[in-house]
Amino acid sequence: MGEDVAEKPKGKIVFVTIRMPDDKEHEIPLPAKIFSSGREGFYAQIPALVYDDEVYGGQIQIWKKTTKS
């Protein structure tokens, strides 16, 4: 579906809280993901988030850091 995902690990999820400038908070679930680079992490696409009567979209990516060779 256009995602750069090799596979989706099952059962892992993290929640990220976004606090807007008006102090309203939005909790975003991030399911586990293995990125096309092979790195493991978490990812979510945000289709719509309303702040100050404006609609925003975006994405959140978190990946496991690896040591450099």
N, C-alpha and C. Protein backbone atom coordinates (compact mmCIF):
# COMPACT_ATOMS: atom_id res chain seq x y z
N MET A 1 0.82 -1.21 0.00
CA MET A 1 0.00 0.00 0.00
C MET A 1 0.85 1.26 0.00
N GLY A 2 2.00 1.22 -0.60
CA GLY A 2 2.85 2.39 -0.65
C GLY A 2 3.73 2.57 0.56
N GLU A 3 3.58 1.74 1.59
CA GLU A 3 4.45 1.85 2.77
C GLU A 3 5.77 1.18 2.45
N ASP A 4 6.86 1.74 2.98
CA ASP A 4 8.17 1.13 2.78
C ASP A 4 8.42 0.15 3.93
N VAL A 5 7.65 -0.92 3.94
CA VAL A 5 7.74 -1.88 5.03
C VAL A 5 8.00 -3.26 4.47
N ALA A 6 8.98 -3.95 5.02
CA ALA A 6 9.27 -5.31 4.61
C ALA A 6 8.28 -6.26 5.27
N GLU A 7 8.01 -6.05 6.54
CA GLU A 7 7.05 -6.85 7.28
C GLU A 7 6.64 -6.07 8.52
N LYS A 8 5.53 -6.47 9.11
CA LYS A 8 5.06 -5.82 10.33
C LYS A 8 5.16 -6.80 11.48
N PRO A 9 6.03 -6.52 12.45
CA PRO A 9 6.07 -7.38 13.63
C PRO A 9 4.75 -7.27 14.38
N LYS A 10 4.31 -8.34 14.97
CA LYS A 10 3.01 -8.33 15.65
C LYS A 10 3.18 -8.11 17.15
N GLY A 11 2.19 -7.46 17.74
CA GLY A 11 2.10 -7.35 19.18
C GLY A 11 2.85 -6.20 19.82
N LYS A 12 3.60 -5.43 19.08
CA LYS A 12 4.32 -4.31 19.68
C LYS A 12 3.68 -3.00 19.25
N ILE A 13 3.50 -2.13 20.22
CA ILE A 13 2.94 -0.81 19.92
C ILE A 13 3.43 0.15 21.00
N VAL A 14 3.72 1.38 20.60
CA VAL A 14 4.05 2.43 21.55
C VAL A 14 3.06 3.57 21.33
N PHE A 15 2.91 4.42 22.33
CA PHE A 15 2.02 5.57 22.23
C PHE A 15 2.84 6.83 22.42
N VAL A 16 2.64 7.78 21.52
CA VAL A 16 3.33 9.06 21.58
C VAL A 16 2.28 10.13 21.89
N THR A 17 2.58 11.00 22.83
CA THR A 17 1.68 12.10 23.15
C THR A 17 2.24 13.38 22.54
N ILE A 18 1.42 14.03 21.74
CA ILE A 18 1.79 15.31 21.13
C ILE A 18 1.06 16.40 21.90
N ARG A 19 1.80 17.36 22.43
CA ARG A 19 1.19 18.50 23.12
C ARG A 19 1.29 19.71 22.20
N MET A 20 0.15 20.26 21.88
CA MET A 20 0.09 21.40 20.98
C MET A 20 0.35 22.69 21.77
N PRO A 21 0.63 23.80 21.07
CA PRO A 21 0.89 25.07 21.77
C PRO A 21 -0.25 25.53 22.68
N ASP A 22 -1.48 25.08 22.41
CA ASP A 22 -2.61 25.45 23.28
C ASP A 22 -2.76 24.46 24.44
N ASP A 23 -1.79 23.59 24.64
CA ASP A 23 -1.73 22.58 25.71
C ASP A 23 -2.69 21.41 25.52
N LYS A 24 -3.41 21.33 24.41
CA LYS A 24 -4.23 20.15 24.13
C LYS A 24 -3.28 19.03 23.72
N GLU A 25 -3.60 17.81 24.18
CA GLU A 25 -2.75 16.67 23.89
C GLU A 25 -3.48 15.67 22.99
N HIS A 26 -2.72 15.04 22.11
CA HIS A 26 -3.22 14.00 21.23
C HIS A 26 -2.33 12.78 21.41
N GLU A 27 -2.93 11.63 21.68
CA GLU A 27 -2.17 10.40 21.83
C GLU A 27 -2.20 9.64 20.51
N ILE A 28 -1.02 9.32 19.99
CA ILE A 28 -0.90 8.66 18.70
C ILE A 28 -0.32 7.27 18.90
N PRO A 29 -1.04 6.20 18.47
CA PRO A 29 -0.48 4.86 18.55
C PRO A 29 0.49 4.61 17.39
N LEU A 30 1.64 4.03 17.69
CA LEU A 30 2.62 3.69 16.67
C LEU A 30 2.84 2.18 16.69
N PRO A 31 2.33 1.47 15.68
CA PRO A 31 2.58 0.03 15.60
C PRO A 31 4.03 -0.23 15.21
N ALA A 32 4.51 -1.42 15.57
CA ALA A 32 5.87 -1.83 15.22
C ALA A 32 6.02 -1.94 13.70
N LYS A 33 7.22 -1.69 13.23
CA LYS A 33 7.48 -1.74 11.79
C LYS A 33 8.94 -2.11 11.56
N ILE A 34 9.18 -2.87 10.52
CA ILE A 34 10.55 -3.07 10.04
C ILE A 34 10.66 -2.26 8.76
N PHE A 35 11.52 -1.25 8.76
CA PHE A 35 11.67 -0.35 7.63
C PHE A 35 12.42 -1.04 6.49
N SER A 36 12.34 -0.47 5.30
CA SER A 36 13.00 -1.07 4.14
C SER A 36 14.51 -1.17 4.32
N SER A 37 15.06 -0.36 5.21
CA SER A 37 16.50 -0.41 5.51
C SER A 37 16.84 -1.62 6.38
N GLY A 38 15.81 -2.28 6.92
CA GLY A 38 16.02 -3.40 7.82
C GLY A 38 15.96 -3.01 9.29
N ARG A 39 15.96 -1.72 9.57
CA ARG A 39 15.87 -1.27 10.96
C ARG A 39 14.50 -1.56 11.54
N GLU A 40 14.48 -1.90 12.83
CA GLU A 40 13.23 -2.12 13.53
C GLU A 40 12.82 -0.84 14.24
N GLY A 41 11.52 -0.62 14.33
CA GLY A 41 11.05 0.57 15.02
C GLY A 41 9.54 0.63 15.06
N PHE A 42 9.04 1.86 15.04
CA PHE A 42 7.61 2.12 15.13
C PHE A 42 7.27 3.25 14.16
N TYR A 43 6.04 3.24 13.62
CA TYR A 43 5.68 4.20 12.58
C TYR A 43 4.17 4.45 12.59
N ALA A 44 3.79 5.69 12.35
CA ALA A 44 2.39 6.01 12.15
C ALA A 44 2.25 7.16 11.15
N GLN A 45 1.27 7.04 10.30
CA GLN A 45 0.87 8.11 9.39
C GLN A 45 -0.27 8.84 10.07
N ILE A 46 -0.20 10.17 10.12
CA ILE A 46 -1.26 10.97 10.73
C ILE A 46 -2.03 11.66 9.60
N PRO A 47 -3.23 11.17 9.29
CA PRO A 47 -3.97 11.74 8.17
C PRO A 47 -4.52 13.13 8.47
N ALA A 48 -4.92 13.41 9.72
CA ALA A 48 -5.48 14.72 10.03
C ALA A 48 -5.41 14.99 11.53
N LEU A 49 -4.92 16.17 11.86
CA LEU A 49 -4.83 16.62 13.24
C LEU A 49 -5.21 18.09 13.23
N VAL A 50 -6.22 18.47 14.00
CA VAL A 50 -6.72 19.85 13.97
C VAL A 50 -6.09 20.65 15.09
N TYR A 51 -5.54 21.79 14.73
CA TYR A 51 -5.00 22.73 15.71
C TYR A 51 -5.33 24.14 15.24
N ASP A 52 -5.93 24.92 16.11
CA ASP A 52 -6.24 26.33 15.82
C ASP A 52 -7.03 26.46 14.51
N ASP A 53 -8.03 25.59 14.34
CA ASP A 53 -8.90 25.57 13.16
C ASP A 53 -8.16 25.29 11.85
N GLU A 54 -6.96 24.72 11.94
CA GLU A 54 -6.19 24.33 10.76
C GLU A 54 -5.99 22.82 10.83
N VAL A 55 -5.95 22.16 9.68
CA VAL A 55 -5.76 20.72 9.64
C VAL A 55 -4.32 20.41 9.22
N TYR A 56 -3.68 19.57 10.01
CA TYR A 56 -2.30 19.16 9.75
C TYR A 56 -2.25 17.66 9.51
N GLY A 57 -1.28 17.21 8.77
CA GLY A 57 -1.01 15.79 8.56
C GLY A 57 0.47 15.55 8.78
N GLY A 58 0.85 14.29 8.85
CA GLY A 58 2.27 14.02 9.02
C GLY A 58 2.53 12.56 9.31
N GLN A 59 3.70 12.31 9.82
CA GLN A 59 4.08 10.96 10.18
C GLN A 59 5.08 10.99 11.32
N ILE A 60 5.13 9.88 12.05
CA ILE A 60 6.08 9.74 13.15
C ILE A 60 6.85 8.45 12.91
N GLN A 61 8.17 8.55 12.96
CA GLN A 61 9.04 7.38 12.82
C GLN A 61 9.98 7.32 14.00
N ILE A 62 10.09 6.14 14.58
CA ILE A 62 11.06 5.90 15.64
C ILE A 62 11.75 4.60 15.29
N TRP A 63 13.08 4.59 15.31
CA TRP A 63 13.79 3.37 14.97
C TRP A 63 14.87 3.07 15.97
N LYS A 64 15.23 1.80 16.05
CA LYS A 64 16.27 1.34 16.98
C LYS A 64 17.63 1.78 16.43
N LYS A 65 18.40 2.44 17.27
CA LYS A 65 19.74 2.86 16.88
C LYS A 65 20.66 1.65 16.84
N THR A 66 21.50 1.62 15.86
CA THR A 66 22.48 0.53 15.75
C THR A 66 23.88 1.13 15.78
N THR A 67 24.83 0.34 16.22
CA THR A 67 26.21 0.83 16.24
C THR A 67 26.77 0.86 14.83
N LYS A 68 27.62 1.83 14.57
CA LYS A 68 28.23 1.95 13.25
C LYS A 68 29.37 0.96 13.13
N SER A 69 29.51 0.39 11.97
CA SER A 69 30.58 -0.58 11.73
C SER A 69 31.91 0.09 11.50
